[in-house]
Amino acid sequence: MTTWNQAREDTDGVGRQHAISSQQLAGALALLGSVDPVCAEVLARLNLRVYPGDATAGDRTAYVVLDVHGVSIGVKRRACDLYLHADTTETPDEVIAFEINGGGEIDHPIR
């Protein structure tokens, strides 16, 4: 895993990736004091990746990806919308239940 202050060329064409591993994130938060055990358990499994935005492609922000529970969740603001991406290819899930702005759950089949 790339350390937070290192960038590497990513092979998926998104661009240079900056990352913080779960161990680095938990270690950084531990410097601030005790961490709630429930949060500590999640942080121990969480990875954070950031890809700089591309203004020429209409990106207004960096593309931020959280890897947790075997799922990658990505988000970025583009010129005309908010882009959300969920990647469950490494899980046996057959349906993603999601909710937007409290509007109720919607099941989305993925296989």
C-alpha atoms as a PDB file:
ATOM      1  CA  MET A   1       0.000   0.000   0.000  1.00  0.00           C
ATOM      2  CA  THR A   2       1.262   3.453  -0.856  1.00  0.00           C
ATOM      3  CA  THR A   3       1.865   5.706   2.136  1.00  0.00           C
ATOM      4  CA  TRP A   4      -0.171   8.883   2.475  1.00  0.00           C
ATOM      5  CA  ASN A   5       2.561  11.122   1.181  1.00  0.00           C
ATOM      6  CA  GLN A   6       3.513   8.940  -1.752  1.00  0.00           C
ATOM      7  CA  ALA A   7       1.798   8.912  -5.105  1.00  0.00           C
ATOM      8  CA  ARG A   8       1.936   6.165  -7.667  1.00  0.00           C
ATOM      9  CA  GLU A   9       0.767   5.958 -11.230  1.00  0.00           C
ATOM     10  CA  ASP A  10      -2.441   3.972 -11.198  1.00  0.00           C
ATOM     11  CA  THR A  11      -2.996   1.324 -13.857  1.00  0.00           C
ATOM     12  CA  ASP A  12      -6.760   1.864 -14.199  1.00  0.00           C
ATOM     13  CA  GLY A  13      -6.337   5.173 -16.004  1.00  0.00           C
ATOM     14  CA  VAL A  14      -7.776   7.303 -13.203  1.00  0.00           C
ATOM     15  CA  GLY A  15      -4.436   8.986 -12.533  1.00  0.00           C
ATOM     16  CA  ARG A  16      -2.031   9.345  -9.658  1.00  0.00           C
ATOM     17  CA  GLN A  17      -3.253   7.696  -6.481  1.00  0.00           C
ATOM     18  CA  HIS A  18      -2.588   8.956  -2.959  1.00  0.00           C
ATOM     19  CA  ALA A  19      -3.494   6.512  -0.198  1.00  0.00           C
ATOM     20  CA  ILE A  20      -3.708   6.043   3.570  1.00  0.00           C
ATOM     21  CA  SER A  21      -3.766   2.499   4.867  1.00  0.00           C
ATOM     22  CA  SER A  22      -5.956   1.413   7.752  1.00  0.00           C
ATOM     23  CA  GLN A  23      -2.905   1.107   9.999  1.00  0.00           C
ATOM     24  CA  GLN A  24      -1.757   4.645   9.179  1.00  0.00           C
ATOM     25  CA  LEU A  25      -5.219   6.091   9.711  1.00  0.00           C
ATOM     26  CA  ALA A  26      -5.701   4.312  13.039  1.00  0.00           C
ATOM     27  CA  GLY A  27      -2.202   5.347  14.125  1.00  0.00           C
ATOM     28  CA  ALA A  28      -2.819   8.986  13.240  1.00  0.00           C
ATOM     29  CA  LEU A  29      -6.120   9.035  15.131  1.00  0.00           C
ATOM     30  CA  ALA A  30      -4.530   7.325  18.137  1.00  0.00           C
ATOM     31  CA  LEU A  31      -2.231  10.333  18.469  1.00  0.00           C
ATOM     32  CA  LEU A  32      -5.335  12.413  19.160  1.00  0.00           C
ATOM     33  CA  GLY A  33      -6.392  10.244  22.104  1.00  0.00           C
ATOM     34  CA  SER A  34      -8.542   7.202  22.651  1.00  0.00           C
ATOM     35  CA  VAL A  35     -10.742   6.032  19.796  1.00  0.00           C
ATOM     36  CA  ASP A  36     -14.200   4.531  20.333  1.00  0.00           C
ATOM     37  CA  PRO A  37     -13.859   0.706  20.024  1.00  0.00           C
ATOM     38  CA  VAL A  38     -16.554   0.491  17.336  1.00  0.00           C
ATOM     39  CA  CYS A  39     -14.795   3.161  15.263  1.00  0.00           C
ATOM     40  CA  ALA A  40     -11.408   1.535  15.897  1.00  0.00           C
ATOM     41  CA  GLU A  41     -12.698  -1.781  14.522  1.00  0.00           C
ATOM     42  CA  VAL A  42     -13.886  -0.123  11.300  1.00  0.00           C
ATOM     43  CA  LEU A  43     -10.709   1.941  10.960  1.00  0.00           C
ATOM     44  CA  ALA A  44      -8.647  -1.232  11.213  1.00  0.00           C
ATOM     45  CA  ARG A  45     -10.272  -2.397   7.960  1.00  0.00           C
ATOM     46  CA  LEU A  46     -10.593   0.911   6.114  1.00  0.00           C
ATOM     47  CA  ASN A  47      -8.341   2.215   3.360  1.00  0.00           C
ATOM     48  CA  LEU A  48      -8.578   5.665   1.819  1.00  0.00           C
ATOM     49  CA  ARG A  49      -7.466   6.456  -1.735  1.00  0.00           C
ATOM     50  CA  VAL A  50      -7.567   9.862  -3.406  1.00  0.00           C
ATOM     51  CA  TYR A  51      -7.136  10.612  -7.103  1.00  0.00           C
ATOM     52  CA  PRO A  52      -6.696  14.276  -8.065  1.00  0.00           C
ATOM     53  CA  GLY A  53      -9.579  15.676 -10.075  1.00  0.00           C
ATOM     54  CA  ASP A  54      -9.253  16.538 -13.743  1.00  0.00           C
ATOM     55  CA  ALA A  55     -10.725  19.973 -14.428  1.00  0.00           C
ATOM     56  CA  THR A  56     -10.489  19.401 -18.172  1.00  0.00           C
ATOM     57  CA  ALA A  57     -12.861  16.432 -17.750  1.00  0.00           C
ATOM     58  CA  GLY A  58     -15.289  18.525 -15.664  1.00  0.00           C
ATOM     59  CA  ASP A  59     -14.187  17.346 -12.214  1.00  0.00           C
ATOM     60  CA  ARG A  60     -14.687  19.907  -9.442  1.00  0.00           C
ATOM     61  CA  THR A  61     -13.111  17.755  -6.713  1.00  0.00           C
ATOM     62  CA  ALA A  62     -10.727  14.863  -6.243  1.00  0.00           C
ATOM     63  CA  TYR A  63     -12.100  11.332  -6.604  1.00  0.00           C
ATOM     64  CA  VAL A  64     -12.151   9.837  -3.086  1.00  0.00           C
ATOM     65  CA  VAL A  65     -12.438   6.070  -2.614  1.00  0.00           C
ATOM     66  CA  LEU A  66     -13.086   4.287   0.696  1.00  0.00           C
ATOM     67  CA  ASP A  67     -12.429   0.551   0.851  1.00  0.00           C
ATOM     68  CA  VAL A  68     -14.338  -1.073   3.721  1.00  0.00           C
ATOM     69  CA  HIS A  69     -16.293  -4.301   4.293  1.00  0.00           C
ATOM     70  CA  GLY A  70     -14.935  -5.641   0.991  1.00  0.00           C
ATOM     71  CA  VAL A  71     -16.546  -2.809  -0.964  1.00  0.00           C
ATOM     72  CA  SER A  72     -15.059   0.261  -2.641  1.00  0.00           C
ATOM     73  CA  ILE A  73     -17.170   3.414  -2.495  1.00  0.00           C
ATOM     74  CA  GLY A  74     -16.042   6.319  -4.667  1.00  0.00           C
ATOM     75  CA  VAL A  75     -17.325   9.879  -4.813  1.00  0.00           C
ATOM     76  CA  LYS A  76     -16.460  13.067  -6.683  1.00  0.00           C
ATOM     77  CA  ARG A  77     -18.198  16.258  -7.694  1.00  0.00           C
ATOM     78  CA  ARG A  78     -18.338  16.940 -11.399  1.00  0.00           C
ATOM     79  CA  ALA A  79     -19.404  20.120 -13.157  1.00  0.00           C
ATOM     80  CA  CYS A  80     -22.988  18.937 -13.634  1.00  0.00           C
ATOM     81  CA  ASP A  81     -23.528  16.193 -11.036  1.00  0.00           C
ATOM     82  CA  LEU A  82     -22.329  14.176  -8.058  1.00  0.00           C
ATOM     83  CA  TYR A  83     -20.740  10.881  -9.096  1.00  0.00           C
ATOM     84  CA  LEU A  84     -21.028   7.879  -6.748  1.00  0.00           C
ATOM     85  CA  HIS A  85     -19.532   4.479  -7.511  1.00  0.00           C
ATOM     86  CA  ALA A  86     -19.903   1.214  -5.564  1.00  0.00           C
ATOM     87  CA  ASP A  87     -17.661  -1.724  -6.494  1.00  0.00           C
ATOM     88  CA  THR A  88     -18.710  -5.051  -4.975  1.00  0.00           C
ATOM     89  CA  THR A  89     -16.841  -7.324  -7.413  1.00  0.00           C
ATOM     90  CA  GLU A  90     -14.881  -8.887  -4.546  1.00  0.00           C
ATOM     91  CA  THR A  91     -17.996  -9.802  -2.542  1.00  0.00           C
ATOM     92  CA  PRO A  92     -20.690 -12.453  -3.015  1.00  0.00           C
ATOM     93  CA  ASP A  93     -23.397  -9.767  -2.846  1.00  0.00           C
ATOM     94  CA  GLU A  94     -26.149 -10.050  -5.430  1.00  0.00           C
ATOM     95  CA  VAL A  95     -28.086  -6.904  -4.470  1.00  0.00           C
ATOM     96  CA  ILE A  96     -27.054  -3.486  -3.226  1.00  0.00           C
ATOM     97  CA  ALA A  97     -29.731  -1.754  -1.152  1.00  0.00           C
ATOM     98  CA  PHE A  98     -29.116   1.983  -1.228  1.00  0.00           C
ATOM     99  CA  GLU A  99     -30.875   5.118  -0.100  1.00  0.00           C
ATOM    100  CA  ILE A 100     -30.522   8.708  -1.250  1.00  0.00           C
ATOM    101  CA  ASN A 101     -31.510  11.638   0.970  1.00  0.00           C
ATOM    102  CA  GLY A 102     -33.851   9.598   3.159  1.00  0.00           C
ATOM    103  CA  GLY A 103     -36.031   8.621   0.210  1.00  0.00           C
ATOM    104  CA  GLY A 104     -36.219   4.949   1.191  1.00  0.00           C
ATOM    105  CA  GLU A 105     -34.147   1.945   0.212  1.00  0.00           C
ATOM    106  CA  ILE A 106     -33.936   0.836  -3.388  1.00  0.00           C
ATOM    107  CA  ASP A 107     -32.551  -2.586  -4.277  1.00  0.00           C
ATOM    108  CA  HIS A 108     -30.141  -2.704  -7.198  1.00  0.00           C
ATOM    109  CA  PRO A 109     -29.264  -6.175  -8.554  1.00  0.00           C
ATOM    110  CA  ILE A 110     -25.581  -6.453  -9.437  1.00  0.00           C
ATOM    111  CA  ARG A 111     -25.217  -9.972 -10.848  1.00  0.00           C
END
